[in-house]
Protein backbone atom coordinates (compact mmCIF):
# COMPACT_ATOMS: atom_id res chain seq x y z
CA UNK A 1 -3.68 3.37 23.84
CA UNK A 2 -0.77 4.81 21.88
CA UNK A 3 -0.38 7.72 24.28
CA UNK A 4 -0.29 5.37 27.26
CA UNK A 5 2.66 3.34 26.08
CA UNK A 6 4.59 5.75 23.84
CA UNK A 7 7.27 6.78 26.36
CA UNK A 8 7.83 3.23 27.58
CA UNK A 9 8.04 1.83 24.09
CA UNK A 10 10.37 4.55 22.86
CA UNK A 11 12.78 3.77 25.68
CA UNK A 12 12.51 0.07 24.90
CA UNK A 13 13.20 0.81 21.27
CA UNK A 14 16.32 2.70 22.20
CA UNK A 15 17.51 -0.28 24.19
CA UNK A 16 16.94 -2.58 21.21
CA UNK A 17 18.47 -0.17 18.70
CA UNK A 18 21.49 -2.29 17.62
CA UNK A 19 19.22 -5.11 16.40
CA UNK A 20 16.42 -2.98 15.01
CA UNK A 21 17.96 -1.23 12.04
CA UNK A 22 15.73 -1.85 8.99
CA UNK A 23 17.40 -3.87 6.27
CA UNK A 24 16.46 -1.26 3.69
CA UNK A 25 14.68 2.08 3.41
CA UNK A 26 12.02 3.04 0.84
CA UNK A 27 13.67 6.42 0.24
CA UNK A 28 16.97 8.20 0.77
CA UNK A 29 17.46 8.92 4.45
CA UNK A 30 19.84 10.89 6.61
CA UNK A 31 21.80 9.35 9.47
CA UNK A 32 19.44 10.86 12.10
CA UNK A 33 16.42 9.49 10.20
CA UNK A 34 17.99 6.04 10.16
CA UNK A 35 18.51 6.16 13.91
CA UNK A 36 15.00 7.43 14.63
CA UNK A 37 13.47 4.78 12.37
CA UNK A 38 15.42 2.08 14.18
CA UNK A 39 14.15 3.37 17.54
CA UNK A 40 10.57 3.34 16.21
CA UNK A 41 10.94 -0.21 14.87
CA UNK A 42 12.22 -1.32 18.27
CA UNK A 43 9.23 0.33 19.94
CA UNK A 44 6.85 -1.44 17.59
CA UNK A 45 8.45 -4.80 18.29
CA UNK A 46 8.05 -4.35 22.02
CA UNK A 47 4.53 -3.03 21.47
CA UNK A 48 3.69 -6.12 19.42
CA UNK A 49 4.37 -8.19 22.53
CA UNK A 50 2.55 -5.92 24.99
CA UNK A 51 -0.49 -4.54 23.17
CA UNK A 52 -2.21 -7.84 22.25
CA UNK A 53 -2.11 -8.89 25.89
CA UNK A 54 -3.40 -5.48 27.00
CA UNK A 55 -6.13 -5.21 24.37
CA UNK A 56 -7.20 -8.83 24.08
CA UNK A 57 -6.95 -10.37 27.52
CA UNK A 58 -7.05 -14.00 28.56
CA UNK A 59 -10.64 -14.71 27.46
CA UNK A 60 -9.67 -14.42 23.80
CA UNK A 61 -9.10 -17.75 22.03
CA UNK A 62 -8.90 -19.36 18.62
CA UNK A 63 -12.36 -20.86 19.16
CA UNK A 64 -13.87 -17.35 19.04
CA UNK A 65 -12.30 -16.90 15.60
CA UNK A 66 -13.48 -20.04 13.81
CA UNK A 67 -14.97 -19.29 10.36
CA UNK A 68 -18.73 -19.86 10.50
CA UNK A 69 -19.78 -18.68 7.03
CA UNK A 70 -19.16 -20.18 3.60
CA UNK A 71 -16.29 -17.99 2.39
CA UNK A 72 -15.96 -19.18 -1.23
CA UNK A 73 -18.60 -16.53 -2.08
CA UNK A 74 -15.87 -13.87 -1.93
CA UNK A 75 -13.75 -15.53 -4.60
CA UNK A 76 -16.36 -14.85 -7.31
CA UNK A 77 -14.44 -13.69 -10.38
CA UNK A 78 -16.98 -10.91 -11.02
CA UNK A 79 -15.73 -9.03 -7.97
CA UNK A 80 -12.29 -8.83 -9.55
CA UNK A 81 -13.50 -6.97 -12.62
CA UNK A 82 -15.97 -4.58 -10.96
CA UNK A 83 -15.55 -3.58 -7.29
CA UNK A 84 -18.96 -1.88 -7.26
CA UNK A 85 -20.57 -5.32 -7.43
CA UNK A 86 -19.29 -5.97 -3.91
CA UNK A 87 -19.46 -2.32 -2.83
CA UNK A 88 -22.81 -1.11 -4.22
CA UNK A 89 -23.81 2.51 -3.78
CA UNK A 90 -26.31 3.24 -0.99
CA UNK A 91 -29.69 4.47 -2.19
CA UNK A 92 -29.68 8.20 -1.53
CA UNK A 93 -28.71 10.01 1.65
CA UNK A 94 -29.51 8.43 5.02
CA UNK A 95 -31.87 10.06 7.52
CA UNK A 96 -29.45 11.52 10.02
CA UNK A 97 -30.64 12.21 13.56
CA UNK A 98 -29.03 14.24 16.30
CA UNK A 99 -28.53 12.12 19.42
CA UNK A 100 -27.15 14.76 21.75
CA UNK A 101 -24.92 17.82 21.96
CA UNK A 102 -21.47 17.01 23.27
CA UNK A 103 -20.17 20.58 23.28
CA UNK A 104 -21.44 23.99 22.27
CA UNK A 105 -19.32 27.14 22.31
CA UNK A 106 -19.27 30.47 20.56
CA UNK A 107 -17.18 29.04 17.72
CA UNK A 108 -18.10 25.36 17.45
CA UNK A 109 -20.80 22.80 18.01
CA UNK A 110 -19.98 19.13 18.57
CA UNK A 111 -22.86 16.66 18.32
CA UNK A 112 -23.34 12.92 18.29
CA UNK A 113 -25.39 11.87 15.27
CA UNK A 114 -26.77 8.54 14.06
CA UNK A 115 -28.48 6.94 11.07
CA UNK A 116 -29.65 3.52 10.02
CA UNK A 117 -26.83 1.77 8.17
CA UNK A 118 -27.70 1.35 4.50
CA UNK A 119 -25.56 -1.77 4.28
CA UNK A 120 -26.87 -5.25 3.75
CA UNK A 121 -24.55 -8.30 3.52
CA UNK A 122 -23.43 -9.31 0.07
CA UNK A 123 -23.13 -12.95 1.12
CA UNK A 124 -26.62 -14.43 1.76
CA UNK A 125 -25.09 -16.90 4.20
CA UNK A 126 -23.70 -14.07 6.31
CA UNK A 127 -27.00 -12.16 6.14
CA UNK A 128 -28.59 -14.71 8.46
CA UNK A 129 -26.04 -13.91 11.14
CA UNK A 130 -26.06 -10.18 10.50
CA UNK A 131 -29.77 -10.02 11.34
CA UNK A 132 -28.81 -10.90 14.94
CA UNK A 133 -26.09 -8.23 15.07
CA UNK A 134 -28.46 -5.43 16.02
CA UNK A 135 -25.68 -3.34 17.59
CA UNK A 136 -24.03 -2.91 14.18
CA UNK A 137 -27.20 -1.83 12.35
CA UNK A 138 -27.03 1.79 13.54
CA UNK A 139 -24.18 4.04 12.40
CA UNK A 140 -22.85 6.77 14.70
CA UNK A 141 -20.57 9.74 14.18
CA UNK A 142 -19.27 12.77 16.06
CA UNK A 143 -19.96 15.88 13.99
CA UNK A 144 -17.67 18.86 14.68
CA UNK A 145 -19.10 21.96 13.04
CA UNK A 146 -17.61 25.43 12.97
CA UNK A 147 -19.93 28.41 13.42
CA UNK A 148 -17.55 30.62 11.52
CA UNK A 149 -18.32 31.39 7.86
CA UNK A 150 -14.98 30.19 6.41
CA UNK A 151 -15.80 26.48 6.48
CA UNK A 152 -16.72 25.29 3.02
CA UNK A 153 -15.50 21.70 3.23
CA UNK A 154 -16.11 18.60 5.30
CA UNK A 155 -13.81 15.67 6.01
CA UNK A 156 -15.03 12.23 7.06
CA UNK A 157 -12.68 10.52 9.51
CA UNK A 158 -12.44 6.71 9.70
CA UNK A 159 -10.58 5.63 12.84
CA UNK A 160 -8.03 2.85 13.29
CA UNK A 161 -8.79 -0.74 14.25
CA UNK A 162 -9.67 -1.17 17.98
CA UNK A 163 -10.82 2.45 18.26
CA UNK A 164 -13.30 2.86 21.11
CA UNK A 165 -16.47 4.88 21.72
CA UNK A 166 -16.11 7.92 19.51
CA UNK A 167 -18.12 10.22 21.78
CA UNK A 168 -15.25 9.95 24.27
CA UNK A 169 -12.57 12.45 23.29
CA UNK A 170 -9.70 10.11 24.11
CA UNK A 171 -10.73 7.87 21.22
CA UNK A 172 -10.11 10.46 18.53
CA UNK A 173 -7.55 13.20 18.04
CA UNK A 174 -9.59 16.19 19.23
CA UNK A 175 -6.78 18.67 18.63
CA UNK A 176 -6.39 17.53 15.04
CA UNK A 177 -10.14 17.78 14.43
CA UNK A 178 -10.10 21.38 15.64
CA UNK A 179 -7.19 22.06 13.33
CA UNK A 180 -9.35 20.80 10.49
CA UNK A 181 -11.98 23.35 11.56
CA UNK A 182 -9.33 26.06 11.58
CA UNK A 183 -8.24 24.98 8.11
CA UNK A 184 -11.74 25.21 6.69
CA UNK A 185 -13.17 21.72 7.13
CA UNK A 186 -15.89 20.53 9.45
CA UNK A 187 -15.22 16.96 10.61
CA UNK A 188 -17.36 13.84 10.91
CA UNK A 189 -15.67 11.08 12.94
CA UNK A 190 -17.50 7.88 12.04
CA UNK A 191 -17.73 4.83 14.32
CA UNK A 192 -16.62 1.72 12.44
CA UNK A 193 -18.79 -1.42 12.57
CA UNK A 194 -18.09 -3.74 15.52
CA UNK A 195 -16.25 -0.95 17.34
CA UNK A 196 -17.17 1.14 20.37
CA UNK A 197 -20.86 1.98 20.32
CA UNK A 198 -21.40 -0.66 17.63
CA UNK A 199 -19.67 -3.53 19.45
CA UNK A 200 -21.61 -6.76 19.71
CA UNK A 201 -22.78 -8.16 23.02
CA UNK A 202 -20.03 -10.11 24.83
CA UNK A 203 -17.33 -8.51 22.69
CA UNK A 204 -13.96 -8.76 24.46
CA UNK A 205 -12.40 -5.67 22.87
CA UNK A 206 -13.45 -2.98 20.43
CA UNK A 207 -13.10 -4.23 16.87
CA UNK A 208 -12.90 -7.93 17.74
CA UNK A 209 -15.12 -9.00 14.84
CA UNK A 210 -13.80 -6.45 12.35
CA UNK A 211 -10.44 -8.20 11.88
CA UNK A 212 -10.56 -11.81 13.00
CA UNK A 213 -10.12 -15.43 11.96
CA UNK A 214 -13.75 -15.47 10.85
CA UNK A 215 -12.57 -14.38 7.43
CA UNK A 216 -15.98 -13.62 5.90
CA UNK A 217 -16.63 -10.96 8.55
CA UNK A 218 -13.51 -9.03 7.49
CA UNK A 219 -14.87 -8.56 3.97
CA UNK A 220 -18.39 -7.80 5.16
CA UNK A 221 -17.23 -5.38 7.88
CA UNK A 222 -15.18 -3.45 5.36
CA UNK A 223 -18.15 -3.41 2.97
CA UNK A 224 -20.34 -1.98 5.73
CA UNK A 225 -17.78 0.67 6.66
CA UNK A 226 -17.49 1.75 3.02
CA UNK A 227 -21.29 1.85 2.71
CA UNK A 228 -21.65 3.99 5.84
CA UNK A 229 -18.90 6.34 4.64
CA UNK A 230 -20.58 6.73 1.25
CA UNK A 231 -23.95 7.30 2.87
CA UNK A 232 -22.75 10.14 5.09
CA UNK A 233 -20.76 11.54 2.14
CA UNK A 234 -24.03 11.85 0.21
CA UNK A 235 -25.65 13.59 3.18
CA UNK A 236 -22.73 16.03 3.47
CA UNK A 237 -22.60 16.70 -0.27
CA UNK A 238 -25.78 18.82 -0.04
CA UNK A 239 -24.21 20.96 2.69
CA UNK A 240 -20.59 21.48 1.61
CA UNK A 241 -18.69 22.40 -1.52
CA UNK A 242 -16.03 19.77 -0.86
CA UNK A 243 -16.19 16.41 0.95
CA UNK A 244 -12.97 14.50 1.59
CA UNK A 245 -11.98 11.46 3.57
CA UNK A 246 -9.23 10.64 6.07
CA UNK A 247 -8.52 7.21 7.51
CA UNK A 248 -5.99 5.53 9.79
CA UNK A 249 -4.76 1.93 9.61
CA UNK A 250 -7.80 -0.25 8.78
CA UNK A 251 -9.75 3.00 8.58
CA UNK A 252 -7.32 4.05 5.86
CA UNK A 253 -7.96 0.77 4.05
CA UNK A 254 -11.70 1.48 4.21
CA UNK A 255 -11.09 5.03 2.95
CA UNK A 256 -9.15 3.76 -0.05
CA UNK A 257 -11.80 1.13 -0.81
CA UNK A 258 -14.37 3.95 -0.74
CA UNK A 259 -12.21 5.85 -3.25
CA UNK A 260 -12.11 2.72 -5.42
CA UNK A 261 -15.90 2.42 -5.49
CA UNK A 262 -17.07 6.05 -5.34
CA UNK A 263 -15.88 8.96 -7.53
CA UNK A 264 -17.63 11.50 -5.30
CA UNK A 265 -14.78 12.17 -2.86
CA UNK A 266 -12.67 15.26 -3.46
CA UNK A 267 -9.62 13.66 -1.84
CA UNK A 268 -8.43 10.88 0.46
CA UNK A 269 -5.72 11.02 3.12
CA UNK A 270 -4.59 7.55 4.25
CA UNK A 271 -2.36 7.07 7.28
CA UNK A 272 -0.57 3.70 7.45
CA UNK A 273 -2.94 1.94 5.03
CA UNK A 274 -3.11 -1.84 4.66
CA UNK A 275 -3.03 -2.58 0.95
CA UNK A 276 -3.84 -6.28 1.12
CA UNK A 277 -4.86 -7.90 4.44
CA UNK A 278 -4.36 -11.33 2.92
CA UNK A 279 -0.67 -10.57 2.37
CA UNK A 280 0.16 -9.48 5.90
CA UNK A 281 2.85 -11.61 7.59
CA UNK A 282 1.51 -14.71 9.34
CA UNK A 283 2.63 -13.37 12.71
CA UNK A 284 1.40 -9.83 12.11
CA UNK A 285 0.54 -8.06 15.39
CA UNK A 286 -2.31 -6.25 13.58
CA UNK A 287 -4.48 -9.30 14.32
CA UNK A 288 -3.03 -11.37 17.18
CA UNK A 289 -5.04 -14.52 16.57
CA UNK A 290 -6.70 -13.98 13.20
CA UNK A 291 -4.20 -15.77 11.01
CA UNK A 292 -3.62 -18.56 13.53
CA UNK A 293 -7.35 -19.24 13.53
CA UNK A 294 -7.52 -19.17 9.73
CA UNK A 295 -4.73 -21.72 9.44
CA UNK A 296 -6.24 -23.85 12.20
CA UNK A 297 -9.51 -23.98 10.24
CA UNK A 298 -7.74 -25.24 7.12
CA UNK A 299 -7.12 -22.07 5.12
CA UNK A 300 -3.69 -21.61 3.57
CA UNK A 301 -2.09 -18.29 2.64
CA UNK A 302 -3.09 -18.55 -1.01
CA UNK A 303 -6.76 -19.12 -0.13
CA UNK A 304 -6.70 -16.31 2.45
CA UNK A 305 -5.42 -13.94 -0.22
CA UNK A 306 -8.19 -15.04 -2.64
CA UNK A 307 -10.97 -14.61 -0.07
CA UNK A 308 -9.69 -11.19 0.97
CA UNK A 309 -9.25 -9.98 -2.61
CA UNK A 310 -12.36 -7.79 -2.23
CA UNK A 311 -10.91 -6.27 0.97
CA UNK A 312 -7.66 -5.21 -0.73
CA UNK A 313 -7.59 -1.75 -2.37
CA UNK A 314 -4.35 -2.60 -4.16
CA UNK A 315 -6.32 -4.91 -6.47
CA UNK A 316 -8.34 -2.09 -8.02
CA UNK A 317 -8.06 1.20 -9.86
CA UNK A 318 -9.14 4.36 -8.09
CA UNK A 319 -12.45 6.02 -8.98
CA UNK A 320 -10.92 9.43 -8.15
CA UNK A 321 -7.76 10.91 -9.69
CA UNK A 322 -4.60 9.40 -8.21
CA UNK A 323 -3.24 12.88 -7.50
CA UNK A 324 -6.11 13.37 -5.05
CA UNK A 325 -4.76 10.62 -2.77
CA UNK A 326 -2.09 11.29 -0.15
CA UNK A 327 -0.64 8.50 1.99
CA UNK A 328 1.66 8.48 5.01
CA UNK A 329 3.68 5.47 6.15
CA UNK A 330 6.41 4.78 8.69
CA UNK A 331 9.71 3.44 7.42
CA UNK A 332 10.03 1.41 10.63
CA UNK A 333 6.39 0.32 11.03
CA UNK A 334 6.28 -3.14 12.59
CA UNK A 335 2.50 -3.43 12.36
CA UNK A 336 1.68 -2.15 8.86
CA UNK A 337 4.98 -3.17 7.30
CA UNK A 338 6.34 -0.80 4.60
CA UNK A 339 5.62 -3.39 1.90
CA UNK A 340 1.90 -2.68 2.31
CA UNK A 341 1.79 1.08 1.48
CA UNK A 342 4.64 0.42 -0.96
CA UNK A 343 2.31 -1.85 -2.95
CA UNK A 344 -0.23 0.96 -3.18
CA UNK A 345 2.34 3.44 -4.44
CA UNK A 346 3.47 0.95 -7.07
CA UNK A 347 -0.16 0.44 -8.16
CA UNK A 348 -1.07 4.14 -8.12
CA UNK A 349 2.17 5.84 -9.08
CA UNK A 350 0.65 9.34 -9.26
CA UNK A 351 -0.66 9.16 -5.67
CA UNK A 352 1.37 10.90 -3.00
CA UNK A 353 3.23 8.87 -0.37
CA UNK A 354 5.39 10.40 2.35
CA UNK A 355 7.66 8.03 4.23
CA UNK A 356 8.30 9.39 7.72
CA UNK A 357 11.03 8.48 10.16
CA UNK A 358 9.01 6.47 12.64
CA UNK A 359 6.74 3.49 13.06
CA UNK A 360 3.21 2.61 14.04
CA UNK A 361 3.46 3.81 17.63
CA UNK A 362 5.99 6.62 17.31
CA UNK A 363 6.20 9.18 14.48
CA UNK A 364 9.27 11.40 14.82
CA UNK A 365 8.27 13.55 11.84
CA UNK A 366 4.64 14.14 12.74
CA UNK A 367 4.99 17.91 12.36
CA UNK A 368 6.19 17.54 8.77
CA UNK A 369 3.38 15.07 8.04
CA UNK A 370 0.74 17.45 9.41
CA UNK A 371 2.15 20.31 7.33
CA UNK A 372 1.90 18.18 4.19
CA UNK A 373 -1.60 17.02 5.10
CA UNK A 374 -2.81 20.60 5.69
CA UNK A 375 -1.30 21.84 2.44
CA UNK A 376 -2.91 18.96 0.54
CA UNK A 377 -6.34 19.54 2.08
CA UNK A 378 -6.09 23.31 1.66
CA UNK A 379 -5.40 22.86 -2.06
CA UNK A 380 -8.82 21.20 -2.43
CA UNK A 381 -10.80 24.05 -0.87
CA UNK A 382 -12.68 26.31 -3.31
CA UNK A 383 -11.76 30.00 -3.29
CA UNK A 384 -8.87 29.19 -1.00
CA UNK A 385 -7.32 32.62 -1.59
CA UNK A 386 -10.30 34.19 0.13
CA UNK A 387 -10.14 31.97 3.22
CA UNK A 388 -9.97 34.04 6.36
CA UNK A 389 -7.69 31.63 8.19
CA UNK A 390 -5.08 29.28 6.80
CA UNK A 391 -3.74 26.82 9.34
CA UNK A 392 0.05 26.78 9.41
CA UNK A 393 0.36 30.04 7.46
CA UNK A 394 0.37 32.46 10.39
CA UNK A 395 3.17 34.99 10.52
CA UNK A 396 5.82 34.56 13.22
CA UNK A 397 4.72 37.67 15.08
CA UNK A 398 1.16 36.34 15.20
CA UNK A 399 2.30 33.01 16.62
CA UNK A 400 4.32 34.75 19.32
CA UNK A 401 1.72 37.32 20.27
CA UNK A 402 0.43 35.22 23.14
CA UNK A 403 -3.11 35.24 21.77
CA UNK A 404 -4.81 31.91 22.33
CA UNK A 405 -6.02 30.21 19.16
CA UNK A 406 -9.81 29.98 19.06
CA UNK A 407 -9.84 26.18 19.07
CA UNK A 408 -7.63 26.09 22.18
CA UNK A 409 -9.86 28.30 24.27
CA UNK A 410 -11.30 26.61 27.30
CA UNK A 411 -14.77 25.30 26.55
CA UNK A 412 -17.58 25.88 29.02
CA UNK A 413 -17.78 22.94 31.39
CA UNK A 414 -14.77 21.29 29.74
């Protein structure tokens, strides 16, 4: 979706530039960075008007978002003192099955895998409904595995809200996954609950139930995503020296909640994370109708914040060292406003946070971000000095030699 509208939105942002300069910046910026951030904020504002109509369609209504489960369960004070009470550890590694091979070359194998989700609803009232949600009971992931001997790590990837069927390349950044392989990490792109292959029958768009006015489902969906992430982490732990986690948007929120509940991750990279869903602006384009439906059903902002306490990583301490967390956020993000990642940095002051000149739809400093991400992930690899290939470290003459990188070679039948 982002690729489809990026050019149009960038142009629109340029047109809106005079009225789109952020009131303040979270770090010192140059004049060009100020201008680029203003363009990105303008693009996000136009996107906030276009995307909901494109993604949601006319069949979407507040009636589909009415809370149907007793939500006071999530305000239990015990969840505030111990997050593992709401995010319990799965029992052992899941039984992972290979569904089919998506691609097989000399250097890599890409397969679709599945396993039975080890999650069960924390709220007994929601459990009755979850039993009918058979589509969400099976977890899926695309497993990109290098056949070269340098790979000693694995990274689990949790996609953004509204991400589609993961076995379709357009729904994940294939180039970036191959760069992870080149760096020394195999990748497991996990399908979030209520998205893509796990969408419920009659779902209007991918992720409809994950972030909606039915507030109990938000907490339970995040709990299931964290459980599935932890389950596949346990499975990978027997196969790799290092297992890390990368998430985007709501996927980043899930990644950080996993790092709150589970000390077993070597690192977490969080792109545009939501720190506290209950503190998003009332008109946030992240969920076009969610907050309207919550208010229509009688919830006020204070109650929304209390119910979504368990879905907010900013409320907890990390189970992994803060230095092993790296976050990226746009200074002109109109969807995940800078206040959100800023709250996380204030809570975890030793965690890394890079503010880029850009927004949710356009990142003008993506190259710098990727360099920082690769350096961070490389630092967590064991015996990194012996690695045969270090992404981003090639000498200029090697880059200009004309030799095609192995992950860019044309795949058979692709």
